Every structure is written in structure tokens, then in C-alpha cells.
Amino acid sequence: MFILTRYRQHLIDGASPLQAVEEAVNTSGRAVLVAAATVCVALLGLYVSGISFIGQLGFAALFGVVASAAGAVSLVPASLTLVGRSVDRVHIGEPIAQAGNDTDWWHRYAATVGKRPLIFLAIGVVFLGILAVPLFSIRLGHVDDGADPNSYTDKRVL
């Protein structure tokens, strides 16, 4: 979707289909690869749980992410090159890829963050620190009979 939206925007701006594909892959394609790499690192992080089966599930899912990212940066641009300007032949509604203006909320917010990035970085780090507080009381491991109620005989044996 990132690549397709960027491609449509470049067509709206007057670029040729080949130039639009090239620019879309140079910008949104990199974003797709960064997102895929982030997901891959997170999936490999499942090995940290200490449960090998969960780590292996994450490793297996990693192949799906890599295949999807590879398709997004190779097959999607190839398909867009073949489709060309007829990508918008079927109209479902107003095109999403339209130029914005500097008066909408997101542009004003981005300009505010751009003026004082260190303050927003500090606010984000503090917010993430607050969200991470429960991590300090987490207990990892397998649930065993010690978690059963005291009325169970196997609990009383322990």
C-alpha cells in the first residue's frame, strides 16, 4: 500500500510511470524494508522467552515476512510498471494520494516536532519508560504444579 500510494502520488504530480515507480521504490520501498527488518528482529526476539518452540515459531514466521518484503519491493513495482497510468481506471472513491496543505493537523504537528525534536524525544522516552515499569515484575518460566490451588493434592506434595 505504501508503494502504491506513493506511485499514485507521483503520477498525480505528473511523473511518467517509470519515474513514478522508481521514486516510489526509493522512498516507500525503503520504508517497507525497514519495517520488515524491525518485524524480523522482533520475531527473533521470541528466542529470549527461553521456550525453544516459541522461538522456532518466530523463526518460521520470519520467512513469511522476508517473502512479503521481497515481493513488495520487486513484484509490486514490476506490476505497476505493467499497469502504468491505468492504475486508477477503476474508481472506488476519491483518490487518497493527493497533495496536502500546510494547514492540516499533521503538518502543524510535524512542524512543531521539527522545531523542538529533543523535547519530543525526551517525552517519548519517559512515556516508554512508564510503559516498561511492569517489565520489572515479570516472571518468566513454565507454569508447573506450584501454580495450582492449595486444595489440589499435587500442590500439597510440593
C-alpha atoms as a PDB file:
ATOM      1  CA  MET A   1       0.000   0.000   0.000  1.00  0.00           C
ATOM      2  CA  PHE A   2       2.859   2.393   0.776  1.00  0.00           C
ATOM      3  CA  ILE A   3       4.427   1.857  -2.611  1.00  0.00           C
ATOM      4  CA  LEU A   4       1.112   2.010  -4.477  1.00  0.00           C
ATOM      5  CA  THR A   5       0.057   5.227  -2.741  1.00  0.00           C
ATOM      6  CA  ARG A   6       3.407   6.864  -3.419  1.00  0.00           C
ATOM      7  CA  TYR A   7       3.257   5.688  -7.047  1.00  0.00           C
ATOM      8  CA  ARG A   8      -0.188   7.214  -7.480  1.00  0.00           C
ATOM      9  CA  GLN A   9       1.004  10.467  -5.912  1.00  0.00           C
ATOM     10  CA  HIS A  10       3.890  10.724  -8.362  1.00  0.00           C
ATOM     11  CA  LEU A  11       1.519  10.077 -11.267  1.00  0.00           C
ATOM     12  CA  ILE A  12      -0.764  12.833  -9.982  1.00  0.00           C
ATOM     13  CA  ASP A  13       2.279  15.121  -9.786  1.00  0.00           C
ATOM     14  CA  GLY A  14       2.968  14.497 -13.488  1.00  0.00           C
ATOM     15  CA  ALA A  15       5.785  11.927 -13.467  1.00  0.00           C
ATOM     16  CA  SER A  16       5.965   9.201 -16.082  1.00  0.00           C
ATOM     17  CA  PRO A  17       5.019   5.698 -14.889  1.00  0.00           C
ATOM     18  CA  LEU A  18       8.652   4.559 -14.931  1.00  0.00           C
ATOM     19  CA  GLN A  19       9.813   7.596 -12.935  1.00  0.00           C
ATOM     20  CA  ALA A  20       6.884   7.140 -10.531  1.00  0.00           C
ATOM     21  CA  VAL A  21       7.822   3.513  -9.874  1.00  0.00           C
ATOM     22  CA  GLU A  22      11.449   4.439  -9.346  1.00  0.00           C
ATOM     23  CA  GLU A  23      10.626   7.192  -6.853  1.00  0.00           C
ATOM     24  CA  ALA A  24       8.044   5.049  -5.060  1.00  0.00           C
ATOM     25  CA  VAL A  25      10.542   2.252  -4.515  1.00  0.00           C
ATOM     26  CA  ASN A  26      13.290   4.687  -3.470  1.00  0.00           C
ATOM     27  CA  THR A  27      11.090   6.177  -0.770  1.00  0.00           C
ATOM     28  CA  SER A  28       8.313   3.826   0.294  1.00  0.00           C
ATOM     29  CA  GLY A  29      10.252   0.707  -0.663  1.00  0.00           C
ATOM     30  CA  ARG A  30      12.906   1.626   1.878  1.00  0.00           C
ATOM     31  CA  ALA A  31      10.220   2.150   4.492  1.00  0.00           C
ATOM     32  CA  VAL A  32       8.859  -1.320   3.736  1.00  0.00           C
ATOM     33  CA  LEU A  33      12.322  -2.846   4.125  1.00  0.00           C
ATOM     34  CA  VAL A  34      12.926  -1.058   7.431  1.00  0.00           C
ATOM     35  CA  ALA A  35       9.550  -2.218   8.731  1.00  0.00           C
ATOM     36  CA  ALA A  36      10.253  -5.797   7.625  1.00  0.00           C
ATOM     37  CA  ALA A  37      13.664  -5.745   9.300  1.00  0.00           C
ATOM     38  CA  THR A  38      12.072  -4.461  12.508  1.00  0.00           C
ATOM     39  CA  VAL A  39       9.495  -7.258  12.468  1.00  0.00           C
ATOM     40  CA  CYS A  40      12.242  -9.816  11.799  1.00  0.00           C
ATOM     41  CA  VAL A  41      14.224  -8.601  14.806  1.00  0.00           C
ATOM     42  CA  ALA A  42      11.079  -8.797  16.938  1.00  0.00           C
ATOM     43  CA  LEU A  43      10.359 -12.340  15.751  1.00  0.00           C
ATOM     44  CA  LEU A  44      13.921 -13.401  16.503  1.00  0.00           C
ATOM     45  CA  GLY A  45      13.437 -11.817  19.927  1.00  0.00           C
ATOM     46  CA  LEU A  46      10.993 -14.622  20.718  1.00  0.00           C
ATOM     47  CA  TYR A  47      14.028 -16.763  21.444  1.00  0.00           C
ATOM     48  CA  VAL A  48      14.546 -14.604  24.538  1.00  0.00           C
ATOM     49  CA  SER A  49      11.492 -16.247  26.127  1.00  0.00           C
ATOM     50  CA  GLY A  50      13.599 -19.335  26.723  1.00  0.00           C
ATOM     51  CA  ILE A  51      10.944 -21.570  25.180  1.00  0.00           C
ATOM     52  CA  SER A  52      12.515 -23.042  22.082  1.00  0.00           C
ATOM     53  CA  PHE A  53       9.170 -23.861  20.469  1.00  0.00           C
ATOM     54  CA  ILE A  54       8.089 -20.213  20.604  1.00  0.00           C
ATOM     55  CA  GLY A  55      11.451 -19.146  19.163  1.00  0.00           C
ATOM     56  CA  GLN A  56      11.081 -21.645  16.343  1.00  0.00           C
ATOM     57  CA  LEU A  57       7.594 -20.314  15.557  1.00  0.00           C
ATOM     58  CA  GLY A  58       9.052 -16.834  15.318  1.00  0.00           C
ATOM     59  CA  PHE A  59      11.841 -18.083  13.086  1.00  0.00           C
ATOM     60  CA  ALA A  60       9.305 -19.773  10.789  1.00  0.00           C
ATOM     61  CA  ALA A  61       7.218 -16.591  10.621  1.00  0.00           C
ATOM     62  CA  LEU A  62      10.367 -14.698   9.687  1.00  0.00           C
ATOM     63  CA  PHE A  63      10.344 -16.389   6.279  1.00  0.00           C
ATOM     64  CA  GLY A  64       6.849 -15.047   5.599  1.00  0.00           C
ATOM     65  CA  VAL A  65       7.944 -11.526   6.465  1.00  0.00           C
ATOM     66  CA  VAL A  66      11.038 -11.759   4.268  1.00  0.00           C
ATOM     67  CA  ALA A  67       8.996 -13.152   1.359  1.00  0.00           C
ATOM     68  CA  SER A  68       6.400 -10.391   1.725  1.00  0.00           C
ATOM     69  CA  ALA A  69       9.044  -7.665   1.809  1.00  0.00           C
ATOM     70  CA  ALA A  70      10.840  -9.144  -1.191  1.00  0.00           C
ATOM     71  CA  GLY A  71       7.570  -9.246  -3.116  1.00  0.00           C
ATOM     72  CA  ALA A  72       6.740  -5.686  -2.118  1.00  0.00           C
ATOM     73  CA  VAL A  73       9.992  -4.286  -3.493  1.00  0.00           C
ATOM     74  CA  SER A  74      10.156  -6.477  -6.591  1.00  0.00           C
ATOM     75  CA  LEU A  75       6.766  -7.756  -7.757  1.00  0.00           C
ATOM     76  CA  VAL A  76       4.720  -4.674  -6.877  1.00  0.00           C
ATOM     77  CA  PRO A  77       6.969  -2.281  -8.854  1.00  0.00           C
ATOM     78  CA  ALA A  78       7.024  -4.710 -11.775  1.00  0.00           C
ATOM     79  CA  SER A  79       3.226  -4.911 -11.726  1.00  0.00           C
ATOM     80  CA  LEU A  80       2.905  -1.137 -11.514  1.00  0.00           C
ATOM     81  CA  THR A  81       5.215  -0.771 -14.494  1.00  0.00           C
ATOM     82  CA  LEU A  82       2.953  -3.071 -16.497  1.00  0.00           C
ATOM     83  CA  VAL A  83      -0.247  -1.343 -15.358  1.00  0.00           C
ATOM     84  CA  GLY A  84       1.100   2.170 -15.936  1.00  0.00           C
ATOM     85  CA  ARG A  85      -1.369   5.033 -15.758  1.00  0.00           C
ATOM     86  CA  SER A  86      -4.386   2.734 -15.780  1.00  0.00           C
ATOM     87  CA  VAL A  87      -3.831   2.009 -12.098  1.00  0.00           C
ATOM     88  CA  ASP A  88      -6.717   4.382 -11.363  1.00  0.00           C
ATOM     89  CA  ARG A  89      -9.013   3.024 -14.068  1.00  0.00           C
ATOM     90  CA  VAL A  90     -11.459   1.622 -11.504  1.00  0.00           C
ATOM     91  CA  HIS A  91     -12.640   4.423  -9.221  1.00  0.00           C
ATOM     92  CA  ILE A  92     -13.875   3.339  -5.820  1.00  0.00           C
ATOM     93  CA  GLY A  93     -13.874   6.824  -4.334  1.00  0.00           C
ATOM     94  CA  GLU A  94     -11.771   9.913  -4.151  1.00  0.00           C
ATOM     95  CA  PRO A  95      -8.058   9.249  -4.652  1.00  0.00           C
ATOM     96  CA  ILE A  96      -6.227   9.103  -1.337  1.00  0.00           C
ATOM     97  CA  ALA A  97      -2.905  10.151  -2.807  1.00  0.00           C
ATOM     98  CA  GLN A  98      -3.439  13.867  -3.015  1.00  0.00           C
ATOM     99  CA  ALA A  99      -1.223  16.714  -2.024  1.00  0.00           C
ATOM    100  CA  GLY A 100      -1.944  18.053   1.451  1.00  0.00           C
ATOM    101  CA  ASN A 101      -1.568  21.592   2.617  1.00  0.00           C
ATOM    102  CA  ASP A 102       0.332  23.173   5.466  1.00  0.00           C
ATOM    103  CA  THR A 103      -2.793  23.948   7.456  1.00  0.00           C
ATOM    104  CA  ASP A 104      -3.894  20.450   8.408  1.00  0.00           C
ATOM    105  CA  TRP A 105      -3.180  19.000  11.840  1.00  0.00           C
ATOM    106  CA  TRP A 106      -0.419  16.579  10.811  1.00  0.00           C
ATOM    107  CA  HIS A 107       1.644  19.246   9.070  1.00  0.00           C
ATOM    108  CA  ARG A 108       1.380  21.563  12.068  1.00  0.00           C
ATOM    109  CA  TYR A 109       2.323  18.716  14.425  1.00  0.00           C
ATOM    110  CA  ALA A 110       5.321  17.723  12.269  1.00  0.00           C
ATOM    111  CA  ALA A 111       6.479  21.328  12.167  1.00  0.00           C
ATOM    112  CA  THR A 112       6.212  21.548  15.967  1.00  0.00           C
ATOM    113  CA  VAL A 113       8.234  18.358  16.414  1.00  0.00           C
ATOM    114  CA  GLY A 114      10.791  19.595  13.890  1.00  0.00           C
ATOM    115  CA  LYS A 115      11.312  22.802  15.863  1.00  0.00           C
ATOM    116  CA  ARG A 116      12.000  21.037  19.187  1.00  0.00           C
ATOM    117  CA  PRO A 117      12.938  17.404  18.479  1.00  0.00           C
ATOM    118  CA  LEU A 118      14.853  16.840  21.728  1.00  0.00           C
ATOM    119  CA  ILE A 119      11.857  17.755  23.860  1.00  0.00           C
ATOM    120  CA  PHE A 120       9.636  15.322  21.962  1.00  0.00           C
ATOM    121  CA  LEU A 121      12.354  12.663  22.176  1.00  0.00           C
ATOM    122  CA  ALA A 122      12.526  13.111  25.956  1.00  0.00           C
ATOM    123  CA  ILE A 123       8.730  12.930  26.259  1.00  0.00           C
ATOM    124  CA  GLY A 124       8.723   9.720  24.197  1.00  0.00           C
ATOM    125  CA  VAL A 125      11.490   8.117  26.266  1.00  0.00           C
ATOM    126  CA  VAL A 126       9.691   8.982  29.521  1.00  0.00           C
ATOM    127  CA  PHE A 127       6.429   7.592  28.131  1.00  0.00           C
ATOM    128  CA  LEU A 128       8.119   4.340  27.059  1.00  0.00           C
ATOM    129  CA  GLY A 129       9.805   4.127  30.470  1.00  0.00           C
ATOM    130  CA  ILE A 130       6.427   4.356  32.174  1.00  0.00           C
ATOM    131  CA  LEU A 131       5.055   1.664  29.889  1.00  0.00           C
ATOM    132  CA  ALA A 132       8.054  -0.566  30.728  1.00  0.00           C
ATOM    133  CA  VAL A 133       7.538  -0.441  34.534  1.00  0.00           C
ATOM    134  CA  PRO A 134       5.534  -3.722  34.618  1.00  0.00           C
ATOM    135  CA  LEU A 135       8.510  -5.447  32.967  1.00  0.00           C
ATOM    136  CA  PHE A 136      10.423  -5.293  36.252  1.00  0.00           C
ATOM    137  CA  SER A 137       7.917  -7.593  37.978  1.00  0.00           C
ATOM    138  CA  ILE A 138       7.600 -10.137  35.188  1.00  0.00           C
ATOM    139  CA  ARG A 139       8.327 -13.762  35.977  1.00  0.00           C
ATOM    140  CA  LEU A 140       9.409 -15.942  33.081  1.00  0.00           C
ATOM    141  CA  GLY A 141       9.242 -19.694  33.067  1.00  0.00           C
ATOM    142  CA  HIS A 142       6.888 -22.609  32.650  1.00  0.00           C
ATOM    143  CA  VAL A 143       3.763 -22.925  34.707  1.00  0.00           C
ATOM    144  CA  ASP A 144       4.083 -26.002  36.907  1.00  0.00           C
ATOM    145  CA  ASP A 145       2.074 -27.605  39.679  1.00  0.00           C
ATOM    146  CA  GLY A 146       3.138 -24.855  42.064  1.00  0.00           C
ATOM    147  CA  ALA A 147       0.570 -22.577  40.433  1.00  0.00           C
ATOM    148  CA  ASP A 148      -2.339 -24.896  41.321  1.00  0.00           C
ATOM    149  CA  PRO A 149      -4.717 -24.112  44.204  1.00  0.00           C
ATOM    150  CA  ASN A 150      -3.768 -25.467  47.657  1.00  0.00           C
ATOM    151  CA  SER A 151      -6.705 -27.900  47.530  1.00  0.00           C
ATOM    152  CA  TYR A 152      -5.017 -29.972  44.817  1.00  0.00           C
ATOM    153  CA  THR A 153      -3.037 -32.926  46.068  1.00  0.00           C
ATOM    154  CA  ASP A 154      -0.127 -32.356  43.721  1.00  0.00           C
ATOM    155  CA  LYS A 155       0.217 -28.832  45.102  1.00  0.00           C
ATOM    156  CA  ARG A 156       0.322 -30.106  48.699  1.00  0.00           C
ATOM    157  CA  VAL A 157       3.082 -32.564  47.791  1.00  0.00           C
ATOM    158  CA  LEU A 158       5.355 -29.700  46.761  1.00  0.00           C
END
